[in-house]
N, C-alpha and C. Protein backbone atom coordinates (compact mmCIF):
# COMPACT_ATOMS: atom_id res chain seq x y z
N MET A 1 -5.39 7.65 3.80
CA MET A 1 -4.86 7.82 2.45
C MET A 1 -5.21 6.64 1.56
N LEU A 2 -5.04 5.41 2.06
CA LEU A 2 -5.21 4.24 1.20
C LEU A 2 -6.67 4.05 0.81
N VAL A 3 -6.88 3.94 -0.46
CA VAL A 3 -8.22 3.64 -0.96
C VAL A 3 -8.41 2.13 -1.05
N LYS A 4 -7.37 1.42 -1.45
CA LYS A 4 -7.41 -0.04 -1.58
C LYS A 4 -6.17 -0.63 -0.91
N THR A 5 -6.28 -1.87 -0.49
CA THR A 5 -5.13 -2.55 0.06
C THR A 5 -5.27 -4.05 -0.19
N HIS A 6 -4.20 -4.78 0.07
CA HIS A 6 -4.23 -6.24 -0.04
C HIS A 6 -3.10 -6.78 0.82
N SER A 7 -3.08 -8.08 1.02
CA SER A 7 -2.02 -8.69 1.81
C SER A 7 -0.70 -8.62 1.05
N TRP A 8 0.38 -8.36 1.79
CA TRP A 8 1.72 -8.39 1.19
C TRP A 8 2.41 -9.71 1.47
N ASN A 9 1.79 -10.54 2.29
CA ASN A 9 2.35 -11.85 2.60
C ASN A 9 1.86 -12.85 1.55
N VAL A 10 2.46 -12.78 0.37
CA VAL A 10 2.03 -13.59 -0.75
C VAL A 10 3.23 -14.29 -1.38
N SER A 11 2.94 -15.38 -2.07
CA SER A 11 3.97 -16.09 -2.83
C SER A 11 4.19 -15.38 -4.16
N PRO A 12 5.30 -15.66 -4.85
CA PRO A 12 5.48 -15.06 -6.18
C PRO A 12 4.32 -15.37 -7.12
N GLN A 13 3.78 -16.57 -7.06
CA GLN A 13 2.66 -16.91 -7.94
C GLN A 13 1.42 -16.08 -7.60
N GLU A 14 1.18 -15.89 -6.31
CA GLU A 14 0.05 -15.06 -5.88
C GLU A 14 0.27 -13.61 -6.27
N ALA A 15 1.53 -13.16 -6.21
CA ALA A 15 1.85 -11.78 -6.61
C ALA A 15 1.55 -11.54 -8.08
N VAL A 16 1.91 -12.51 -8.93
CA VAL A 16 1.63 -12.40 -10.36
C VAL A 16 0.11 -12.32 -10.59
N ALA A 17 -0.64 -13.16 -9.89
CA ALA A 17 -2.09 -13.15 -10.04
C ALA A 17 -2.68 -11.82 -9.59
N LEU A 18 -2.14 -11.26 -8.50
CA LEU A 18 -2.60 -9.95 -8.03
C LEU A 18 -2.32 -8.86 -9.06
N GLN A 19 -1.12 -8.90 -9.64
CA GLN A 19 -0.79 -7.91 -10.68
C GLN A 19 -1.79 -7.96 -11.82
N ARG A 20 -2.09 -9.15 -12.27
CA ARG A 20 -3.02 -9.29 -13.40
C ARG A 20 -4.40 -8.78 -13.04
N ARG A 21 -4.83 -9.01 -11.81
CA ARG A 21 -6.16 -8.55 -11.40
C ARG A 21 -6.18 -7.03 -11.23
N LEU A 22 -5.16 -6.49 -10.56
CA LEU A 22 -5.14 -5.05 -10.29
C LEU A 22 -4.84 -4.23 -11.55
N ALA A 23 -4.18 -4.83 -12.54
CA ALA A 23 -3.88 -4.10 -13.77
C ALA A 23 -5.15 -3.62 -14.46
N ALA A 24 -6.24 -4.34 -14.26
CA ALA A 24 -7.52 -3.95 -14.86
C ALA A 24 -8.06 -2.66 -14.27
N GLN A 25 -7.53 -2.24 -13.12
CA GLN A 25 -8.00 -1.03 -12.47
C GLN A 25 -7.18 0.21 -12.84
N VAL A 26 -6.11 0.02 -13.59
CA VAL A 26 -5.26 1.15 -13.98
C VAL A 26 -6.01 2.03 -14.98
N ILE A 27 -5.97 3.34 -14.74
CA ILE A 27 -6.59 4.33 -15.63
C ILE A 27 -5.47 5.01 -16.41
N THR A 28 -5.53 4.91 -17.74
CA THR A 28 -4.45 5.44 -18.57
C THR A 28 -4.86 6.71 -19.32
N GLU A 29 -5.79 7.44 -18.76
CA GLU A 29 -6.18 8.74 -19.32
C GLU A 29 -6.14 9.77 -18.20
N ASP A 30 -6.21 11.04 -18.58
CA ASP A 30 -6.07 12.12 -17.60
C ASP A 30 -7.30 12.21 -16.71
N ARG A 31 -7.09 11.90 -15.45
CA ARG A 31 -8.10 12.13 -14.43
C ARG A 31 -7.39 12.73 -13.23
N LEU A 32 -6.93 13.95 -13.43
CA LEU A 32 -6.16 14.62 -12.40
C LEU A 32 -6.61 16.07 -12.31
N ASP A 33 -6.52 16.59 -11.10
CA ASP A 33 -6.85 17.99 -10.86
C ASP A 33 -5.61 18.83 -11.17
N GLN A 34 -5.70 20.12 -10.87
CA GLN A 34 -4.55 20.98 -11.10
C GLN A 34 -3.38 20.50 -10.24
N ILE A 35 -2.20 20.44 -10.83
CA ILE A 35 -1.02 19.92 -10.14
C ILE A 35 -0.23 21.07 -9.53
N HIS A 36 -0.17 21.08 -8.20
CA HIS A 36 0.62 22.08 -7.49
C HIS A 36 1.89 21.48 -6.89
N SER A 37 1.83 20.20 -6.54
CA SER A 37 2.99 19.57 -5.93
C SER A 37 3.24 18.21 -6.58
N VAL A 38 4.50 17.87 -6.69
CA VAL A 38 4.92 16.60 -7.30
C VAL A 38 5.84 15.90 -6.32
N ALA A 39 5.76 14.58 -6.28
CA ALA A 39 6.59 13.82 -5.35
C ALA A 39 7.45 12.82 -6.08
N GLY A 40 8.72 12.75 -5.70
CA GLY A 40 9.60 11.70 -6.17
C GLY A 40 9.58 10.55 -5.18
N VAL A 41 9.52 9.33 -5.69
CA VAL A 41 9.47 8.13 -4.86
C VAL A 41 10.63 7.22 -5.27
N ASP A 42 11.42 6.79 -4.29
CA ASP A 42 12.54 5.89 -4.59
C ASP A 42 12.77 5.00 -3.39
N VAL A 43 13.46 3.88 -3.62
CA VAL A 43 13.70 2.90 -2.57
C VAL A 43 15.16 2.46 -2.60
N GLY A 44 15.76 2.36 -1.44
CA GLY A 44 17.09 1.80 -1.29
C GLY A 44 17.05 0.70 -0.25
N PHE A 45 18.18 0.06 -0.04
CA PHE A 45 18.22 -1.05 0.91
C PHE A 45 19.44 -0.92 1.83
N GLU A 46 19.26 -1.34 3.06
CA GLU A 46 20.31 -1.31 4.07
C GLU A 46 20.57 -2.72 4.58
N GLU A 47 21.72 -2.91 5.22
CA GLU A 47 22.08 -4.18 5.85
C GLU A 47 21.98 -5.35 4.86
N GLN A 48 22.66 -5.20 3.73
CA GLN A 48 22.68 -6.24 2.69
C GLN A 48 21.27 -6.65 2.24
N GLY A 49 20.39 -5.64 2.15
CA GLY A 49 19.05 -5.90 1.64
C GLY A 49 18.03 -6.30 2.68
N LYS A 50 18.44 -6.42 3.93
CA LYS A 50 17.50 -6.85 4.97
C LYS A 50 16.49 -5.75 5.34
N ILE A 51 16.88 -4.49 5.14
CA ILE A 51 16.01 -3.37 5.47
C ILE A 51 15.68 -2.58 4.20
N THR A 52 14.41 -2.35 3.98
CA THR A 52 13.96 -1.52 2.85
C THR A 52 13.84 -0.09 3.34
N ARG A 53 14.48 0.84 2.63
CA ARG A 53 14.44 2.26 2.99
C ARG A 53 13.76 3.03 1.86
N ALA A 54 12.54 3.49 2.12
CA ALA A 54 11.76 4.20 1.11
C ALA A 54 11.76 5.69 1.39
N ALA A 55 11.88 6.47 0.33
CA ALA A 55 11.91 7.91 0.45
C ALA A 55 10.87 8.55 -0.45
N VAL A 56 10.20 9.55 0.08
CA VAL A 56 9.27 10.37 -0.70
C VAL A 56 9.67 11.82 -0.50
N VAL A 57 9.89 12.54 -1.60
CA VAL A 57 10.25 13.95 -1.54
C VAL A 57 9.23 14.74 -2.33
N VAL A 58 8.55 15.67 -1.66
CA VAL A 58 7.51 16.49 -2.29
C VAL A 58 8.11 17.84 -2.67
N LEU A 59 7.95 18.22 -3.94
CA LEU A 59 8.43 19.50 -4.44
C LEU A 59 7.26 20.34 -4.92
N ARG A 60 7.41 21.65 -4.81
CA ARG A 60 6.43 22.56 -5.40
C ARG A 60 6.66 22.62 -6.91
N LEU A 61 5.63 22.37 -7.68
CA LEU A 61 5.81 22.29 -9.14
C LEU A 61 6.31 23.60 -9.72
N ALA A 62 5.86 24.73 -9.19
CA ALA A 62 6.17 26.03 -9.78
C ALA A 62 7.67 26.31 -9.83
N ASP A 63 8.40 25.92 -8.78
CA ASP A 63 9.83 26.24 -8.74
C ASP A 63 10.69 25.05 -8.30
N LEU A 64 10.06 23.88 -8.12
CA LEU A 64 10.76 22.66 -7.73
C LEU A 64 11.48 22.80 -6.38
N SER A 65 10.93 23.65 -5.52
CA SER A 65 11.49 23.80 -4.18
C SER A 65 10.91 22.73 -3.25
N LEU A 66 11.65 22.42 -2.21
CA LEU A 66 11.25 21.37 -1.28
C LEU A 66 10.06 21.80 -0.44
N VAL A 67 9.05 20.92 -0.39
CA VAL A 67 7.89 21.14 0.46
C VAL A 67 7.98 20.26 1.70
N GLU A 68 8.24 18.98 1.48
CA GLU A 68 8.26 18.03 2.59
C GLU A 68 8.94 16.74 2.12
N GLN A 69 9.48 15.99 3.06
CA GLN A 69 10.06 14.71 2.71
C GLN A 69 9.88 13.73 3.87
N ALA A 70 9.90 12.45 3.54
CA ALA A 70 9.71 11.43 4.56
C ALA A 70 10.47 10.18 4.18
N VAL A 71 10.95 9.46 5.19
CA VAL A 71 11.64 8.19 5.00
C VAL A 71 10.97 7.15 5.90
N ALA A 72 10.83 5.95 5.37
CA ALA A 72 10.34 4.83 6.18
C ALA A 72 11.25 3.64 5.98
N ARG A 73 11.58 2.96 7.06
CA ARG A 73 12.41 1.75 7.01
C ARG A 73 11.59 0.58 7.52
N GLN A 74 11.65 -0.53 6.79
CA GLN A 74 10.94 -1.73 7.19
C GLN A 74 11.79 -2.96 6.85
N PRO A 75 11.60 -4.05 7.58
CA PRO A 75 12.27 -5.29 7.18
C PRO A 75 11.82 -5.70 5.78
N THR A 76 12.77 -6.16 4.97
CA THR A 76 12.45 -6.61 3.61
C THR A 76 11.83 -8.00 3.69
N ARG A 77 10.62 -8.13 3.15
CA ARG A 77 9.87 -9.39 3.32
C ARG A 77 9.64 -10.15 2.03
N PHE A 78 9.99 -9.57 0.90
CA PHE A 78 9.74 -10.25 -0.38
C PHE A 78 11.06 -10.38 -1.13
N PRO A 79 11.29 -11.50 -1.78
CA PRO A 79 12.57 -11.70 -2.48
C PRO A 79 12.71 -10.79 -3.70
N TYR A 80 13.95 -10.65 -4.15
CA TYR A 80 14.22 -9.87 -5.36
C TYR A 80 13.86 -10.71 -6.58
N ILE A 81 12.75 -10.36 -7.23
CA ILE A 81 12.30 -11.06 -8.43
C ILE A 81 11.95 -10.01 -9.48
N PRO A 82 12.70 -9.92 -10.58
CA PRO A 82 12.35 -8.95 -11.62
C PRO A 82 10.89 -9.11 -12.05
N GLY A 83 10.21 -7.96 -12.19
CA GLY A 83 8.79 -7.97 -12.54
C GLY A 83 7.88 -7.97 -11.34
N LEU A 84 8.44 -8.25 -10.15
CA LEU A 84 7.66 -8.25 -8.91
C LEU A 84 8.25 -7.32 -7.86
N LEU A 85 9.04 -6.36 -8.30
CA LEU A 85 9.74 -5.50 -7.35
C LEU A 85 8.80 -4.67 -6.50
N SER A 86 7.59 -4.38 -7.00
CA SER A 86 6.68 -3.56 -6.21
C SER A 86 6.27 -4.28 -4.92
N PHE A 87 6.24 -5.61 -4.92
CA PHE A 87 5.89 -6.34 -3.70
C PHE A 87 7.02 -6.26 -2.67
N ARG A 88 8.21 -6.00 -3.12
CA ARG A 88 9.36 -5.82 -2.24
C ARG A 88 9.44 -4.39 -1.71
N GLU A 89 8.99 -3.42 -2.52
CA GLU A 89 9.23 -2.01 -2.22
C GLU A 89 8.00 -1.24 -1.74
N CYS A 90 6.81 -1.60 -2.21
CA CYS A 90 5.62 -0.80 -1.93
C CYS A 90 5.29 -0.64 -0.45
N PRO A 91 5.37 -1.70 0.38
CA PRO A 91 4.99 -1.50 1.78
C PRO A 91 5.73 -0.35 2.45
N ALA A 92 7.04 -0.25 2.22
CA ALA A 92 7.81 0.85 2.82
C ALA A 92 7.45 2.19 2.20
N VAL A 93 7.19 2.22 0.89
CA VAL A 93 6.79 3.47 0.24
C VAL A 93 5.47 3.96 0.82
N LEU A 94 4.52 3.07 0.99
CA LEU A 94 3.23 3.46 1.56
C LEU A 94 3.40 4.00 2.97
N ALA A 95 4.30 3.40 3.74
CA ALA A 95 4.57 3.90 5.09
C ALA A 95 5.17 5.31 5.06
N ALA A 96 6.04 5.55 4.09
CA ALA A 96 6.61 6.90 3.95
C ALA A 96 5.55 7.91 3.53
N LEU A 97 4.68 7.52 2.60
CA LEU A 97 3.61 8.43 2.18
C LEU A 97 2.70 8.79 3.35
N GLU A 98 2.45 7.84 4.22
CA GLU A 98 1.56 8.10 5.36
C GLU A 98 2.18 9.06 6.37
N LYS A 99 3.49 9.26 6.29
CA LYS A 99 4.15 10.22 7.19
C LYS A 99 3.98 11.67 6.72
N LEU A 100 3.61 11.86 5.47
CA LEU A 100 3.46 13.21 4.95
C LEU A 100 2.25 13.90 5.57
N THR A 101 2.36 15.20 5.74
CA THR A 101 1.22 15.96 6.29
C THR A 101 0.24 16.36 5.19
N VAL A 102 0.75 16.46 3.96
CA VAL A 102 -0.11 16.80 2.82
C VAL A 102 0.24 15.87 1.67
N MET A 103 -0.77 15.25 1.06
CA MET A 103 -0.51 14.36 -0.07
C MET A 103 -0.15 15.16 -1.32
N PRO A 104 0.86 14.70 -2.07
CA PRO A 104 1.20 15.37 -3.33
C PRO A 104 0.11 15.14 -4.37
N ASP A 105 0.12 15.97 -5.40
CA ASP A 105 -0.87 15.86 -6.47
C ASP A 105 -0.47 14.84 -7.53
N LEU A 106 0.82 14.49 -7.58
CA LEU A 106 1.33 13.59 -8.61
C LEU A 106 2.57 12.88 -8.09
N LEU A 107 2.64 11.56 -8.33
CA LEU A 107 3.81 10.77 -7.94
C LEU A 107 4.67 10.47 -9.17
N LEU A 108 5.96 10.69 -9.07
CA LEU A 108 6.92 10.25 -10.08
C LEU A 108 7.76 9.15 -9.43
N CYS A 109 7.53 7.92 -9.87
CA CYS A 109 8.13 6.76 -9.22
C CYS A 109 9.37 6.29 -9.97
N ASP A 110 10.39 5.93 -9.22
CA ASP A 110 11.60 5.37 -9.82
C ASP A 110 11.30 3.92 -10.20
N GLY A 111 10.91 3.70 -11.44
CA GLY A 111 10.54 2.36 -11.89
C GLY A 111 9.51 2.43 -13.01
N GLN A 112 8.91 1.30 -13.30
CA GLN A 112 8.00 1.22 -14.43
C GLN A 112 6.55 1.46 -14.02
N GLY A 113 5.76 1.89 -15.02
CA GLY A 113 4.32 1.90 -14.89
C GLY A 113 3.77 0.74 -15.71
N VAL A 114 3.06 1.06 -16.79
CA VAL A 114 2.51 -0.02 -17.64
C VAL A 114 3.56 -0.62 -18.57
N ALA A 115 4.77 -0.07 -18.59
CA ALA A 115 5.86 -0.67 -19.39
C ALA A 115 6.43 -1.86 -18.62
N HIS A 116 5.62 -2.88 -18.49
CA HIS A 116 5.87 -4.01 -17.60
C HIS A 116 5.23 -5.24 -18.23
N PRO A 117 5.78 -6.43 -18.03
CA PRO A 117 5.22 -7.62 -18.68
C PRO A 117 3.73 -7.81 -18.47
N ARG A 118 3.25 -7.45 -17.26
CA ARG A 118 1.82 -7.58 -16.97
C ARG A 118 1.14 -6.23 -16.86
N ARG A 119 1.82 -5.18 -17.37
CA ARG A 119 1.28 -3.82 -17.40
C ARG A 119 0.98 -3.30 -16.00
N PHE A 120 1.83 -3.70 -15.03
CA PHE A 120 1.56 -3.30 -13.65
C PHE A 120 2.85 -3.18 -12.85
N GLY A 121 3.66 -2.18 -13.22
CA GLY A 121 4.87 -1.89 -12.46
C GLY A 121 4.55 -1.12 -11.19
N ILE A 122 5.60 -0.69 -10.50
CA ILE A 122 5.42 -0.06 -9.19
C ILE A 122 4.61 1.24 -9.27
N ALA A 123 4.75 2.00 -10.35
CA ALA A 123 3.97 3.24 -10.46
C ALA A 123 2.48 2.95 -10.56
N CYS A 124 2.12 1.87 -11.23
CA CYS A 124 0.71 1.45 -11.29
C CYS A 124 0.25 0.96 -9.93
N HIS A 125 1.08 0.17 -9.28
CA HIS A 125 0.72 -0.42 -7.99
C HIS A 125 0.45 0.69 -6.96
N LEU A 126 1.36 1.63 -6.87
CA LEU A 126 1.19 2.74 -5.93
C LEU A 126 -0.01 3.61 -6.32
N GLY A 127 -0.17 3.86 -7.62
CA GLY A 127 -1.28 4.68 -8.07
C GLY A 127 -2.63 4.07 -7.75
N VAL A 128 -2.77 2.78 -8.03
CA VAL A 128 -4.05 2.11 -7.77
C VAL A 128 -4.35 2.06 -6.28
N LEU A 129 -3.36 1.75 -5.45
CA LEU A 129 -3.60 1.63 -4.01
C LEU A 129 -3.90 2.97 -3.35
N THR A 130 -3.24 4.03 -3.79
CA THR A 130 -3.43 5.35 -3.18
C THR A 130 -4.46 6.21 -3.91
N ASP A 131 -4.80 5.81 -5.12
CA ASP A 131 -5.66 6.59 -6.02
C ASP A 131 -5.04 7.95 -6.36
N LEU A 132 -3.71 8.01 -6.36
CA LEU A 132 -3.01 9.22 -6.77
C LEU A 132 -2.53 9.08 -8.22
N PRO A 133 -2.58 10.15 -9.01
CA PRO A 133 -1.97 10.10 -10.34
C PRO A 133 -0.49 9.76 -10.21
N SER A 134 0.00 8.91 -11.08
CA SER A 134 1.39 8.46 -10.94
C SER A 134 2.02 8.19 -12.30
N ILE A 135 3.36 8.32 -12.33
CA ILE A 135 4.15 8.13 -13.55
C ILE A 135 5.33 7.24 -13.22
N GLY A 136 5.63 6.31 -14.11
CA GLY A 136 6.85 5.53 -13.99
C GLY A 136 7.98 6.22 -14.71
N VAL A 137 9.07 6.47 -14.00
CA VAL A 137 10.26 7.11 -14.55
C VAL A 137 11.43 6.15 -14.34
N ALA A 138 11.81 5.44 -15.39
CA ALA A 138 12.82 4.38 -15.25
C ALA A 138 14.09 4.74 -16.00
N LYS A 139 15.21 4.32 -15.44
CA LYS A 139 16.51 4.56 -16.08
C LYS A 139 16.81 3.54 -17.16
N THR A 140 16.17 2.35 -17.05
CA THR A 140 16.43 1.28 -18.00
C THR A 140 15.12 0.70 -18.52
N ARG A 141 15.20 0.00 -19.62
CA ARG A 141 14.02 -0.61 -20.26
C ARG A 141 13.77 -1.99 -19.67
N LEU A 142 12.52 -2.28 -19.39
CA LEU A 142 12.14 -3.61 -18.92
C LEU A 142 11.52 -4.43 -20.05
N VAL A 143 10.61 -3.83 -20.80
CA VAL A 143 9.99 -4.50 -21.94
C VAL A 143 9.92 -3.52 -23.11
N GLY A 144 9.64 -4.06 -24.31
CA GLY A 144 9.37 -3.20 -25.46
C GLY A 144 10.58 -2.92 -26.34
N GLN A 145 10.28 -2.38 -27.50
CA GLN A 145 11.28 -1.99 -28.48
C GLN A 145 10.99 -0.56 -28.93
N HIS A 146 12.03 0.07 -29.47
CA HIS A 146 11.85 1.45 -29.95
C HIS A 146 12.88 1.76 -31.01
N GLY A 147 12.59 2.77 -31.80
CA GLY A 147 13.52 3.24 -32.80
C GLY A 147 14.45 4.30 -32.22
N PRO A 148 15.20 4.98 -33.09
CA PRO A 148 16.12 6.03 -32.63
C PRO A 148 15.37 7.16 -31.94
N VAL A 149 15.93 7.64 -30.86
CA VAL A 149 15.31 8.74 -30.10
C VAL A 149 15.91 10.06 -30.60
N PRO A 150 15.08 11.04 -30.93
CA PRO A 150 15.61 12.34 -31.37
C PRO A 150 16.59 12.90 -30.34
N ASP A 151 17.72 13.39 -30.83
CA ASP A 151 18.76 13.91 -29.93
C ASP A 151 18.53 15.38 -29.64
N GLU A 152 17.42 15.64 -28.98
CA GLU A 152 17.10 17.01 -28.58
C GLU A 152 16.30 16.95 -27.29
N ARG A 153 16.41 17.99 -26.49
CA ARG A 153 15.66 18.03 -25.22
C ARG A 153 14.16 17.91 -25.48
N GLY A 154 13.54 16.95 -24.83
CA GLY A 154 12.11 16.74 -25.00
C GLY A 154 11.75 15.81 -26.14
N GLY A 155 12.73 15.37 -26.92
CA GLY A 155 12.45 14.45 -28.02
C GLY A 155 12.10 13.06 -27.47
N TRP A 156 11.14 12.42 -28.08
CA TRP A 156 10.75 11.09 -27.60
C TRP A 156 10.20 10.24 -28.73
N ILE A 157 10.14 8.94 -28.46
CA ILE A 157 9.61 8.00 -29.43
C ILE A 157 8.85 6.93 -28.63
N PRO A 158 7.77 6.36 -29.20
CA PRO A 158 7.00 5.37 -28.46
C PRO A 158 7.82 4.12 -28.13
N LEU A 159 7.53 3.55 -26.96
CA LEU A 159 8.05 2.26 -26.55
C LEU A 159 6.92 1.25 -26.79
N VAL A 160 7.17 0.27 -27.63
CA VAL A 160 6.11 -0.64 -28.08
C VAL A 160 6.43 -2.07 -27.65
N ASP A 161 5.46 -2.73 -27.05
CA ASP A 161 5.61 -4.12 -26.63
C ASP A 161 4.41 -4.92 -27.13
N LYS A 162 4.68 -5.93 -27.95
CA LYS A 162 3.63 -6.80 -28.50
C LYS A 162 2.54 -6.00 -29.20
N GLY A 163 2.98 -4.98 -29.96
CA GLY A 163 2.05 -4.18 -30.74
C GLY A 163 1.34 -3.09 -29.96
N GLU A 164 1.64 -2.95 -28.68
CA GLU A 164 0.97 -1.97 -27.82
C GLU A 164 1.98 -0.91 -27.36
N THR A 165 1.59 0.36 -27.45
CA THR A 165 2.44 1.42 -26.92
C THR A 165 2.33 1.41 -25.41
N VAL A 166 3.43 1.08 -24.75
CA VAL A 166 3.41 0.96 -23.29
C VAL A 166 4.15 2.11 -22.60
N GLY A 167 4.76 2.98 -23.38
CA GLY A 167 5.49 4.08 -22.78
C GLY A 167 6.19 4.90 -23.85
N ALA A 168 7.14 5.69 -23.38
CA ALA A 168 7.91 6.55 -24.28
C ALA A 168 9.37 6.55 -23.85
N VAL A 169 10.24 6.65 -24.84
CA VAL A 169 11.67 6.78 -24.59
C VAL A 169 11.99 8.26 -24.78
N LEU A 170 12.36 8.93 -23.71
CA LEU A 170 12.44 10.39 -23.66
C LEU A 170 13.87 10.88 -23.50
N ARG A 171 14.25 11.80 -24.36
CA ARG A 171 15.56 12.45 -24.25
C ARG A 171 15.37 13.74 -23.44
N THR A 172 15.87 13.75 -22.23
CA THR A 172 15.70 14.93 -21.38
C THR A 172 16.77 15.98 -21.60
N ARG A 173 17.91 15.56 -22.17
CA ARG A 173 18.99 16.50 -22.50
C ARG A 173 19.67 16.02 -23.77
N THR A 174 20.10 16.95 -24.57
CA THR A 174 20.85 16.60 -25.77
C THR A 174 22.14 15.88 -25.38
N GLY A 175 22.41 14.77 -26.06
CA GLY A 175 23.67 14.08 -25.85
C GLY A 175 23.74 13.16 -24.65
N VAL A 176 22.62 12.95 -23.95
CA VAL A 176 22.63 12.02 -22.82
C VAL A 176 21.67 10.86 -23.11
N ASN A 177 21.87 9.75 -22.43
CA ASN A 177 21.00 8.60 -22.63
C ASN A 177 19.55 8.94 -22.26
N PRO A 178 18.60 8.40 -23.00
CA PRO A 178 17.19 8.69 -22.69
C PRO A 178 16.73 7.95 -21.44
N ILE A 179 15.54 8.31 -20.96
CA ILE A 179 14.90 7.59 -19.87
C ILE A 179 13.57 7.04 -20.37
N PHE A 180 12.98 6.16 -19.58
CA PHE A 180 11.80 5.42 -20.02
C PHE A 180 10.59 5.81 -19.18
N ILE A 181 9.62 6.42 -19.83
CA ILE A 181 8.45 6.97 -19.14
C ILE A 181 7.23 6.12 -19.47
N SER A 182 6.46 5.79 -18.45
CA SER A 182 5.20 5.09 -18.71
C SER A 182 4.13 5.53 -17.72
N VAL A 183 2.90 5.37 -18.14
CA VAL A 183 1.75 5.74 -17.31
C VAL A 183 1.71 4.84 -16.07
N GLY A 184 1.44 5.46 -14.93
CA GLY A 184 1.20 4.69 -13.72
C GLY A 184 -0.29 4.55 -13.46
N HIS A 185 -0.97 5.69 -13.29
CA HIS A 185 -2.40 5.69 -12.99
C HIS A 185 -2.94 7.11 -13.14
N ARG A 186 -4.13 7.21 -13.69
CA ARG A 186 -4.89 8.47 -13.77
C ARG A 186 -4.16 9.58 -14.55
N ILE A 187 -3.41 9.18 -15.57
CA ILE A 187 -2.72 10.16 -16.41
C ILE A 187 -2.46 9.54 -17.77
N SER A 188 -2.44 10.38 -18.80
CA SER A 188 -2.12 9.89 -20.14
C SER A 188 -0.62 9.97 -20.38
N LEU A 189 -0.15 9.28 -21.39
CA LEU A 189 1.28 9.28 -21.66
C LEU A 189 1.77 10.68 -22.05
N VAL A 190 1.02 11.38 -22.87
CA VAL A 190 1.43 12.73 -23.30
C VAL A 190 1.52 13.66 -22.10
N THR A 191 0.55 13.59 -21.20
CA THR A 191 0.58 14.44 -20.01
C THR A 191 1.71 14.02 -19.08
N ALA A 192 1.97 12.73 -18.98
CA ALA A 192 3.09 12.25 -18.17
C ALA A 192 4.41 12.83 -18.68
N LEU A 193 4.59 12.80 -19.99
CA LEU A 193 5.82 13.36 -20.58
C LEU A 193 5.94 14.85 -20.26
N HIS A 194 4.84 15.55 -20.33
CA HIS A 194 4.85 16.99 -20.03
C HIS A 194 5.36 17.24 -18.61
N TYR A 195 4.81 16.52 -17.64
CA TYR A 195 5.21 16.78 -16.26
C TYR A 195 6.63 16.32 -15.96
N VAL A 196 7.07 15.25 -16.60
CA VAL A 196 8.46 14.84 -16.42
C VAL A 196 9.40 15.93 -16.92
N MET A 197 9.08 16.52 -18.06
CA MET A 197 9.94 17.59 -18.59
C MET A 197 9.87 18.84 -17.73
N VAL A 198 8.71 19.16 -17.19
CA VAL A 198 8.60 20.31 -16.28
C VAL A 198 9.50 20.12 -15.06
N CYS A 199 9.62 18.87 -14.62
CA CYS A 199 10.42 18.57 -13.43
C CYS A 199 11.91 18.37 -13.73
N THR A 200 12.27 18.42 -15.00
CA THR A 200 13.66 18.19 -15.39
C THR A 200 14.35 19.51 -15.70
N THR A 201 15.50 19.73 -15.07
CA THR A 201 16.23 20.98 -15.29
C THR A 201 17.47 20.71 -16.14
N ARG A 202 18.64 20.70 -15.55
CA ARG A 202 19.87 20.53 -16.34
C ARG A 202 20.47 19.13 -16.23
N TYR A 203 19.75 18.23 -15.59
CA TYR A 203 20.25 16.86 -15.45
C TYR A 203 19.42 15.89 -16.27
N ARG A 204 19.92 14.65 -16.39
CA ARG A 204 19.20 13.64 -17.15
C ARG A 204 17.88 13.27 -16.48
N LEU A 205 17.89 13.18 -15.15
CA LEU A 205 16.71 12.74 -14.40
C LEU A 205 15.95 13.94 -13.86
N PRO A 206 14.62 13.82 -13.71
CA PRO A 206 13.84 14.91 -13.12
C PRO A 206 14.27 15.15 -11.67
N GLU A 207 14.05 16.38 -11.21
CA GLU A 207 14.47 16.75 -9.86
C GLU A 207 13.78 15.90 -8.80
N THR A 208 12.56 15.47 -9.06
CA THR A 208 11.85 14.59 -8.12
C THR A 208 12.64 13.30 -7.91
N THR A 209 13.06 12.68 -9.00
CA THR A 209 13.81 11.43 -8.93
C THR A 209 15.16 11.64 -8.27
N ARG A 210 15.84 12.70 -8.62
CA ARG A 210 17.17 12.98 -8.05
C ARG A 210 17.08 13.16 -6.53
N ALA A 211 16.09 13.92 -6.10
CA ALA A 211 15.94 14.18 -4.66
C ALA A 211 15.57 12.92 -3.90
N ALA A 212 14.65 12.13 -4.46
CA ALA A 212 14.23 10.90 -3.79
C ALA A 212 15.37 9.89 -3.75
N ASP A 213 16.15 9.82 -4.82
CA ASP A 213 17.27 8.88 -4.87
C ASP A 213 18.29 9.21 -3.79
N LYS A 214 18.60 10.49 -3.63
CA LYS A 214 19.56 10.89 -2.60
C LYS A 214 19.06 10.50 -1.21
N LEU A 215 17.76 10.73 -0.97
CA LEU A 215 17.20 10.43 0.34
C LEU A 215 17.11 8.92 0.57
N ALA A 216 16.74 8.18 -0.45
CA ALA A 216 16.61 6.73 -0.31
C ALA A 216 17.96 6.06 -0.09
N SER A 217 19.00 6.63 -0.70
CA SER A 217 20.33 6.03 -0.57
C SER A 217 21.05 6.47 0.69
N GLY A 218 20.47 7.44 1.38
CA GLY A 218 21.08 7.92 2.62
C GLY A 218 22.03 9.07 2.43
N SER A 219 22.19 9.54 1.16
CA SER A 219 23.10 10.65 0.91
C SER A 219 22.43 12.00 1.09
N GLY A 220 21.10 11.98 1.23
CA GLY A 220 20.37 13.22 1.51
C GLY A 220 19.90 13.22 2.95
N LYS A 221 19.56 14.37 3.47
CA LYS A 221 19.12 14.47 4.87
C LYS A 221 17.61 14.33 4.94
C-alpha cells in the first residue's frame, strides 16, 4: 500500500522539517477515480496516552453502509505537540489501513489537511504516504480566519490564512456549529466539500467520522 515512507523516530525539529519538505508533494486538485468507497479515519488513546488506538471504517458511498473496519494499537512514541499530531497518530493509522482487504477510494480524516501552519496536517500526511485522495474534516479551527457561515445545510465560506484559502467552514446542518474542511491530497476543495456533504446525513459530522470516532474510542465494535 505505502508509496512513500520515512522514519518516525524523529525530534520535533526534524518533524517540522519533514512537514515542510513533504508539503511540496501535496496535490490540491482533483486526481481521483470514481469514488465507490469512503473511509473514516480517527485516533484515540488508551492507558493515559501510552497506547495509540487507530480506527479505519470503510463505507459504501452509495448508501453509507459498512464495508470493512480495522483497528490497530501501538505504543505512543511521539509527544503531544500541536501542529505535529500526525507524527503521534500516523504510524497506528497506517497499520490499521494495512489490515484492510480492499483500499478505500477516499479518506476522510479526523483532523486538518492544508489548514495547518505548514500546510501539512494529518490528512496531507496520510494522503502523501499512501497516495490516496484524502480530506481533512476537523471539529475545530487550527489556523485562519473566516466570516459568518450561512445558516443552511451545505452553506460554507472560505477559511483564509495569510491571504491564502486553506479550507472551508462548512455548515452541515441548520442551527449547528460548522466544521472545518481542508484538502488533504489529490482532491480540490470544492470536490472535498461535495463528498463531505454526501457522507453527512442528519448529524453535524459525516458518517465516516462518526463511525471511526466510535471505533477509535472503543465504543464501537
